[in-house]
Amino acid sequence: MKVINVRTDKRNQMLDITSQIKEVLIQSGVKNGICTLYVPHTTAAVTINEGADPDVKLDITTFMAELIPNRQSFKHAEGNSDSHIKTSLFGPSETIIIQDSKLVLGTWQVIYFCEFDGPRSRKLYIKIMGD
């Protein structure tokens, strides 16, 4: 298992981490198998979506802020219930097929680390398993 550190600089942010995952895959030497990504935080997530147009991640973060605003009426004492809700909708993990030493992603797909309570220093666990 490999752990990478992710530094975010905004409260809500989507960082393209695809190249970092590809580097870990190269180092592993695995040709075919599975790559599992896991975020061990309750206010951050991981997702796969379009990476060609930067407006996609802007639209996602803007819509999520509108859909789930940080409300004073939330009971959670830390004041970040909106972050917990967004993380639950996105989820803490992704599984990606590895074929011929490459991540099986669609033409426009990239892997995003999703921050909903930043800025923070975060961790992402990567487990690569060969066939």
N, C-alpha and C. Protein backbone atom coordinates (compact mmCIF):
# COMPACT_ATOMS: atom_id res chain seq x y z
N MET A 1 0.84 -1.18 0.00
CA MET A 1 0.00 0.00 0.00
C MET A 1 0.88 1.23 0.00
N LYS A 2 0.44 2.25 -0.69
CA LYS A 2 1.16 3.52 -0.78
C LYS A 2 0.24 4.61 -0.26
N VAL A 3 0.82 5.59 0.43
CA VAL A 3 0.07 6.74 0.92
C VAL A 3 0.64 7.98 0.26
N ILE A 4 -0.23 8.80 -0.32
CA ILE A 4 0.23 10.08 -0.84
C ILE A 4 -0.42 11.20 -0.03
N ASN A 5 0.31 12.28 0.12
CA ASN A 5 -0.21 13.46 0.81
C ASN A 5 -0.79 14.42 -0.21
N VAL A 6 -1.93 14.97 0.14
CA VAL A 6 -2.61 15.92 -0.72
C VAL A 6 -2.82 17.20 0.08
N ARG A 7 -2.41 18.31 -0.48
CA ARG A 7 -2.57 19.61 0.18
C ARG A 7 -3.62 20.40 -0.60
N THR A 8 -4.66 20.83 0.09
CA THR A 8 -5.70 21.64 -0.55
C THR A 8 -5.59 23.07 -0.06
N ASP A 9 -6.09 24.00 -0.86
CA ASP A 9 -5.97 25.41 -0.48
C ASP A 9 -7.31 26.16 -0.51
N LYS A 10 -8.42 25.41 -0.70
CA LYS A 10 -9.75 26.02 -0.70
C LYS A 10 -10.69 25.16 0.13
N ARG A 11 -11.78 25.74 0.55
CA ARG A 11 -12.78 24.99 1.33
C ARG A 11 -13.37 23.86 0.48
N ASN A 12 -13.78 24.17 -0.74
CA ASN A 12 -14.32 23.18 -1.67
C ASN A 12 -13.43 23.17 -2.91
N GLN A 13 -12.90 22.00 -3.22
CA GLN A 13 -11.90 21.93 -4.29
C GLN A 13 -11.82 20.52 -4.84
N MET A 14 -11.59 20.42 -6.14
CA MET A 14 -11.36 19.13 -6.79
C MET A 14 -9.98 19.18 -7.44
N LEU A 15 -9.08 18.31 -6.97
CA LEU A 15 -7.71 18.27 -7.49
C LEU A 15 -7.52 17.03 -8.35
N ASP A 16 -7.00 17.22 -9.55
CA ASP A 16 -6.71 16.10 -10.44
C ASP A 16 -5.47 15.39 -9.92
N ILE A 17 -5.64 14.15 -9.48
CA ILE A 17 -4.53 13.37 -8.92
C ILE A 17 -4.16 12.19 -9.82
N THR A 18 -4.65 12.19 -11.05
CA THR A 18 -4.44 11.07 -11.96
C THR A 18 -2.97 10.77 -12.17
N SER A 19 -2.16 11.79 -12.40
CA SER A 19 -0.73 11.55 -12.68
C SER A 19 -0.03 10.93 -11.48
N GLN A 20 -0.44 11.31 -10.26
CA GLN A 20 0.16 10.72 -9.06
C GLN A 20 -0.20 9.24 -8.95
N ILE A 21 -1.43 8.90 -9.29
CA ILE A 21 -1.86 7.50 -9.23
C ILE A 21 -1.13 6.69 -10.30
N LYS A 22 -0.98 7.27 -11.48
CA LYS A 22 -0.25 6.58 -12.56
C LYS A 22 1.20 6.32 -12.16
N GLU A 23 1.81 7.25 -11.46
CA GLU A 23 3.20 7.07 -11.01
C GLU A 23 3.30 5.92 -10.02
N VAL A 24 2.36 5.83 -9.10
CA VAL A 24 2.35 4.72 -8.14
C VAL A 24 2.17 3.40 -8.88
N LEU A 25 1.31 3.39 -9.89
CA LEU A 25 1.10 2.18 -10.69
C LEU A 25 2.39 1.76 -11.39
N ILE A 26 3.10 2.69 -11.99
CA ILE A 26 4.37 2.39 -12.66
C ILE A 26 5.36 1.78 -11.66
N GLN A 27 5.47 2.39 -10.49
CA GLN A 27 6.39 1.90 -9.46
C GLN A 27 6.03 0.50 -8.99
N SER A 28 4.75 0.16 -9.04
CA SER A 28 4.31 -1.15 -8.55
C SER A 28 4.72 -2.29 -9.49
N GLY A 29 4.84 -2.00 -10.78
CA GLY A 29 5.17 -3.03 -11.75
C GLY A 29 4.00 -3.94 -12.11
N VAL A 30 2.82 -3.66 -11.59
CA VAL A 30 1.64 -4.49 -11.88
C VAL A 30 1.17 -4.22 -13.31
N LYS A 31 0.92 -5.29 -14.05
CA LYS A 31 0.47 -5.15 -15.45
C LYS A 31 -1.05 -5.24 -15.58
N ASN A 32 -1.66 -6.12 -14.80
CA ASN A 32 -3.11 -6.30 -14.84
C ASN A 32 -3.60 -6.52 -13.42
N GLY A 33 -4.72 -5.87 -13.08
CA GLY A 33 -5.26 -6.02 -11.73
C GLY A 33 -6.24 -4.91 -11.40
N ILE A 34 -6.15 -4.49 -10.14
CA ILE A 34 -7.09 -3.50 -9.61
C ILE A 34 -6.31 -2.46 -8.80
N CYS A 35 -6.74 -1.21 -8.94
CA CYS A 35 -6.21 -0.12 -8.12
C CYS A 35 -7.36 0.41 -7.27
N THR A 36 -7.19 0.34 -5.96
CA THR A 36 -8.20 0.86 -5.05
C THR A 36 -7.66 2.13 -4.39
N LEU A 37 -8.48 3.18 -4.40
CA LEU A 37 -8.15 4.45 -3.77
C LEU A 37 -9.08 4.63 -2.58
N TYR A 38 -8.53 5.09 -1.46
CA TYR A 38 -9.34 5.27 -0.26
C TYR A 38 -8.92 6.55 0.46
N VAL A 39 -9.90 7.37 0.78
CA VAL A 39 -9.69 8.62 1.51
C VAL A 39 -10.14 8.40 2.96
N PRO A 40 -9.22 8.48 3.93
CA PRO A 40 -9.58 8.21 5.33
C PRO A 40 -10.04 9.45 6.10
N HIS A 41 -10.84 10.28 5.45
CA HIS A 41 -11.31 11.52 6.08
C HIS A 41 -12.82 11.62 5.90
N THR A 42 -13.48 12.25 6.86
CA THR A 42 -14.94 12.35 6.80
C THR A 42 -15.43 13.59 6.07
N THR A 43 -14.51 14.44 5.62
CA THR A 43 -14.91 15.63 4.88
C THR A 43 -14.13 15.77 3.57
N ALA A 44 -13.66 14.65 3.04
CA ALA A 44 -12.98 14.62 1.74
C ALA A 44 -13.36 13.31 1.06
N ALA A 45 -13.24 13.30 -0.27
CA ALA A 45 -13.68 12.14 -1.04
C ALA A 45 -12.82 11.98 -2.28
N VAL A 46 -13.16 10.97 -3.07
CA VAL A 46 -12.49 10.75 -4.35
C VAL A 46 -13.57 10.41 -5.37
N THR A 47 -13.38 10.90 -6.60
CA THR A 47 -14.35 10.61 -7.67
C THR A 47 -13.64 10.61 -9.01
N ILE A 48 -14.32 10.09 -10.01
CA ILE A 48 -13.82 10.07 -11.38
C ILE A 48 -14.81 10.86 -12.23
N ASN A 49 -14.27 11.80 -13.02
CA ASN A 49 -15.14 12.60 -13.88
C ASN A 49 -14.32 13.22 -14.99
N GLU A 50 -14.95 14.06 -15.78
CA GLU A 50 -14.26 14.68 -16.93
C GLU A 50 -13.15 15.61 -16.47
N GLY A 51 -12.02 15.53 -17.16
CA GLY A 51 -10.89 16.39 -16.84
C GLY A 51 -10.47 17.31 -17.97
N ALA A 52 -11.09 17.18 -19.14
CA ALA A 52 -10.68 17.98 -20.30
C ALA A 52 -11.11 19.44 -20.17
N ASP A 53 -12.27 19.68 -19.63
CA ASP A 53 -12.80 21.04 -19.49
C ASP A 53 -12.82 21.41 -18.01
N PRO A 54 -12.00 22.38 -17.59
CA PRO A 54 -11.95 22.76 -16.17
C PRO A 54 -13.27 23.29 -15.64
N ASP A 55 -14.17 23.69 -16.53
CA ASP A 55 -15.48 24.17 -16.07
C ASP A 55 -16.31 23.06 -15.44
N VAL A 56 -16.03 21.80 -15.78
CA VAL A 56 -16.78 20.70 -15.19
C VAL A 56 -16.58 20.68 -13.68
N LYS A 57 -15.32 20.70 -13.22
CA LYS A 57 -15.11 20.67 -11.77
C LYS A 57 -15.61 21.95 -11.11
N LEU A 58 -15.52 23.07 -11.80
CA LEU A 58 -16.08 24.32 -11.27
C LEU A 58 -17.60 24.20 -11.13
N ASP A 59 -18.25 23.65 -12.14
CA ASP A 59 -19.70 23.47 -12.08
C ASP A 59 -20.09 22.52 -10.95
N ILE A 60 -19.32 21.46 -10.77
CA ILE A 60 -19.63 20.50 -9.70
C ILE A 60 -19.49 21.16 -8.33
N THR A 61 -18.37 21.83 -8.07
CA THR A 61 -18.17 22.45 -6.75
C THR A 61 -19.17 23.58 -6.51
N THR A 62 -19.50 24.35 -7.54
CA THR A 62 -20.48 25.44 -7.40
C THR A 62 -21.86 24.88 -7.10
N PHE A 63 -22.25 23.83 -7.84
CA PHE A 63 -23.57 23.24 -7.63
C PHE A 63 -23.67 22.60 -6.25
N MET A 64 -22.61 21.91 -5.83
CA MET A 64 -22.65 21.29 -4.50
C MET A 64 -22.77 22.34 -3.40
N ALA A 65 -22.11 23.48 -3.56
CA ALA A 65 -22.22 24.56 -2.57
C ALA A 65 -23.63 25.14 -2.53
N GLU A 66 -24.28 25.18 -3.70
CA GLU A 66 -25.66 25.68 -3.75
C GLU A 66 -26.63 24.63 -3.21
N LEU A 67 -26.40 23.37 -3.58
CA LEU A 67 -27.28 22.28 -3.16
C LEU A 67 -27.20 22.04 -1.65
N ILE A 68 -25.97 22.09 -1.12
CA ILE A 68 -25.74 21.82 0.30
C ILE A 68 -24.92 22.97 0.89
N PRO A 69 -25.58 24.08 1.20
CA PRO A 69 -24.85 25.22 1.78
C PRO A 69 -24.49 24.95 3.24
N ASN A 70 -23.53 25.70 3.73
CA ASN A 70 -23.13 25.62 5.14
C ASN A 70 -24.14 26.42 5.96
N ARG A 71 -25.08 25.72 6.55
CA ARG A 71 -26.19 26.36 7.27
C ARG A 71 -25.93 26.48 8.76
N GLN A 72 -26.37 27.56 9.31
CA GLN A 72 -26.29 27.76 10.76
C GLN A 72 -27.19 26.78 11.51
N SER A 73 -28.23 26.28 10.85
CA SER A 73 -29.20 25.39 11.50
C SER A 73 -28.67 23.96 11.71
N PHE A 74 -27.55 23.61 11.10
CA PHE A 74 -26.98 22.29 11.34
C PHE A 74 -26.56 22.19 12.80
N LYS A 75 -26.72 21.03 13.38
CA LYS A 75 -26.45 20.82 14.80
C LYS A 75 -25.00 20.48 15.12
N HIS A 76 -24.25 19.95 14.16
CA HIS A 76 -22.87 19.52 14.39
C HIS A 76 -22.03 20.69 14.90
N ALA A 77 -21.39 20.52 16.03
CA ALA A 77 -20.69 21.60 16.73
C ALA A 77 -19.52 22.19 15.94
N GLU A 78 -18.90 21.40 15.08
CA GLU A 78 -17.73 21.90 14.34
C GLU A 78 -18.11 22.83 13.19
N GLY A 79 -19.39 22.89 12.84
CA GLY A 79 -19.82 23.81 11.80
C GLY A 79 -19.50 23.37 10.38
N ASN A 80 -19.26 22.08 10.18
CA ASN A 80 -18.93 21.60 8.84
C ASN A 80 -19.83 20.44 8.38
N SER A 81 -21.08 20.46 8.83
CA SER A 81 -22.01 19.39 8.43
C SER A 81 -22.18 19.33 6.92
N ASP A 82 -22.15 20.48 6.25
CA ASP A 82 -22.26 20.46 4.80
C ASP A 82 -21.14 19.64 4.18
N SER A 83 -19.95 19.72 4.76
CA SER A 83 -18.79 18.97 4.26
C SER A 83 -19.00 17.47 4.43
N HIS A 84 -19.56 17.07 5.56
CA HIS A 84 -19.83 15.65 5.81
C HIS A 84 -20.88 15.11 4.82
N ILE A 85 -21.90 15.91 4.55
CA ILE A 85 -22.96 15.49 3.62
C ILE A 85 -22.40 15.34 2.21
N LYS A 86 -21.62 16.32 1.76
CA LYS A 86 -21.02 16.25 0.41
C LYS A 86 -20.13 15.03 0.29
N THR A 87 -19.34 14.75 1.31
CA THR A 87 -18.45 13.59 1.29
C THR A 87 -19.25 12.30 1.20
N SER A 88 -20.35 12.21 1.93
CA SER A 88 -21.18 11.01 1.87
C SER A 88 -21.77 10.80 0.48
N LEU A 89 -22.10 11.87 -0.21
CA LEU A 89 -22.63 11.75 -1.57
C LEU A 89 -21.57 11.28 -2.57
N PHE A 90 -20.34 11.75 -2.41
CA PHE A 90 -19.26 11.37 -3.33
C PHE A 90 -18.65 10.03 -2.96
N GLY A 91 -18.36 9.81 -1.70
CA GLY A 91 -17.82 8.54 -1.24
C GLY A 91 -16.32 8.56 -1.03
N PRO A 92 -15.84 7.66 -0.16
CA PRO A 92 -14.42 7.65 0.21
C PRO A 92 -13.51 6.81 -0.68
N SER A 93 -14.07 6.10 -1.69
CA SER A 93 -13.20 5.20 -2.44
C SER A 93 -13.61 5.08 -3.91
N GLU A 94 -12.63 4.63 -4.69
CA GLU A 94 -12.83 4.30 -6.10
C GLU A 94 -12.00 3.06 -6.40
N THR A 95 -12.47 2.23 -7.30
CA THR A 95 -11.73 1.07 -7.77
C THR A 95 -11.59 1.20 -9.28
N ILE A 96 -10.35 1.05 -9.75
CA ILE A 96 -10.06 1.23 -11.17
C ILE A 96 -9.36 -0.03 -11.68
N ILE A 97 -9.80 -0.52 -12.81
CA ILE A 97 -9.18 -1.68 -13.44
C ILE A 97 -7.82 -1.28 -14.01
N ILE A 98 -6.86 -2.18 -13.89
CA ILE A 98 -5.54 -2.01 -14.51
C ILE A 98 -5.42 -3.03 -15.63
N GLN A 99 -5.11 -2.59 -16.84
CA GLN A 99 -4.93 -3.47 -17.98
C GLN A 99 -3.70 -3.02 -18.76
N ASP A 100 -2.78 -3.93 -19.00
CA ASP A 100 -1.55 -3.62 -19.75
C ASP A 100 -0.79 -2.45 -19.12
N SER A 101 -0.67 -2.46 -17.82
CA SER A 101 0.07 -1.45 -17.03
C SER A 101 -0.54 -0.05 -17.10
N LYS A 102 -1.83 0.03 -17.43
CA LYS A 102 -2.51 1.33 -17.52
C LYS A 102 -3.81 1.29 -16.74
N LEU A 103 -4.18 2.44 -16.18
CA LEU A 103 -5.49 2.58 -15.56
C LEU A 103 -6.54 2.59 -16.66
N VAL A 104 -7.59 1.84 -16.50
CA VAL A 104 -8.66 1.81 -17.49
C VAL A 104 -9.62 2.95 -17.16
N LEU A 105 -9.37 4.08 -17.82
CA LEU A 105 -10.20 5.27 -17.69
C LEU A 105 -10.71 5.66 -19.06
N GLY A 106 -11.89 6.27 -19.11
CA GLY A 106 -12.42 6.74 -20.38
C GLY A 106 -11.58 7.89 -20.93
N THR A 107 -11.81 8.21 -22.17
CA THR A 107 -11.03 9.24 -22.87
C THR A 107 -10.93 10.54 -22.08
N TRP A 108 -12.01 10.98 -21.49
CA TRP A 108 -12.04 12.28 -20.81
C TRP A 108 -11.93 12.16 -19.29
N GLN A 109 -11.87 10.95 -18.78
CA GLN A 109 -11.90 10.75 -17.33
C GLN A 109 -10.56 11.01 -16.65
N VAL A 110 -10.65 11.64 -15.47
CA VAL A 110 -9.51 11.80 -14.57
C VAL A 110 -9.99 11.46 -13.16
N ILE A 111 -9.03 11.31 -12.26
CA ILE A 111 -9.34 11.01 -10.87
C ILE A 111 -9.19 12.30 -10.07
N TYR A 112 -10.23 12.63 -9.33
CA TYR A 112 -10.22 13.85 -8.52
C TYR A 112 -10.22 13.53 -7.03
N PHE A 113 -9.36 14.21 -6.29
CA PHE A 113 -9.45 14.26 -4.84
C PHE A 113 -10.38 15.42 -4.54
N CYS A 114 -11.44 15.17 -3.78
CA CYS A 114 -12.46 16.18 -3.50
C CYS A 114 -12.33 16.68 -2.06
N GLU A 115 -12.09 17.94 -1.92
CA GLU A 115 -11.98 18.59 -0.61
C GLU A 115 -13.27 19.36 -0.34
N PHE A 116 -13.85 19.15 0.85
CA PHE A 116 -15.07 19.85 1.22
C PHE A 116 -14.94 20.62 2.53
N ASP A 117 -13.74 20.64 3.11
CA ASP A 117 -13.55 21.32 4.40
C ASP A 117 -12.11 21.84 4.52
N GLY A 118 -11.64 22.42 3.43
CA GLY A 118 -10.25 22.88 3.41
C GLY A 118 -10.10 24.32 3.83
N PRO A 119 -8.88 24.80 3.71
CA PRO A 119 -7.69 24.08 3.26
C PRO A 119 -7.15 23.14 4.33
N ARG A 120 -6.57 22.04 3.87
CA ARG A 120 -6.06 21.01 4.79
C ARG A 120 -4.94 20.20 4.14
N SER A 121 -4.25 19.46 4.98
CA SER A 121 -3.33 18.42 4.52
C SER A 121 -4.06 17.10 4.69
N ARG A 122 -4.12 16.32 3.61
CA ARG A 122 -4.89 15.09 3.60
C ARG A 122 -4.01 13.91 3.18
N LYS A 123 -4.56 12.73 3.34
CA LYS A 123 -3.90 11.51 2.90
C LYS A 123 -4.82 10.76 1.95
N LEU A 124 -4.21 10.04 1.02
CA LEU A 124 -4.93 9.15 0.12
C LEU A 124 -4.19 7.83 0.10
N TYR A 125 -4.90 6.76 0.39
CA TYR A 125 -4.32 5.42 0.38
C TYR A 125 -4.54 4.79 -0.99
N ILE A 126 -3.49 4.16 -1.50
CA ILE A 126 -3.55 3.51 -2.81
C ILE A 126 -3.11 2.06 -2.63
N LYS A 127 -3.96 1.14 -3.04
CA LYS A 127 -3.65 -0.28 -2.98
C LYS A 127 -3.76 -0.84 -4.39
N ILE A 128 -2.63 -1.34 -4.90
CA ILE A 128 -2.60 -1.93 -6.23
C ILE A 128 -2.38 -3.43 -6.07
N MET A 129 -3.30 -4.19 -6.68
CA MET A 129 -3.26 -5.65 -6.59
C MET A 129 -3.23 -6.24 -7.98
N GLY A 130 -2.27 -7.10 -8.24
CA GLY A 130 -2.17 -7.76 -9.54
C GLY A 130 -3.02 -9.01 -9.60
N ASP A 131 -3.32 -9.43 -10.81
CA ASP A 131 -4.09 -10.67 -11.02
C ASP A 131 -3.33 -11.87 -10.52
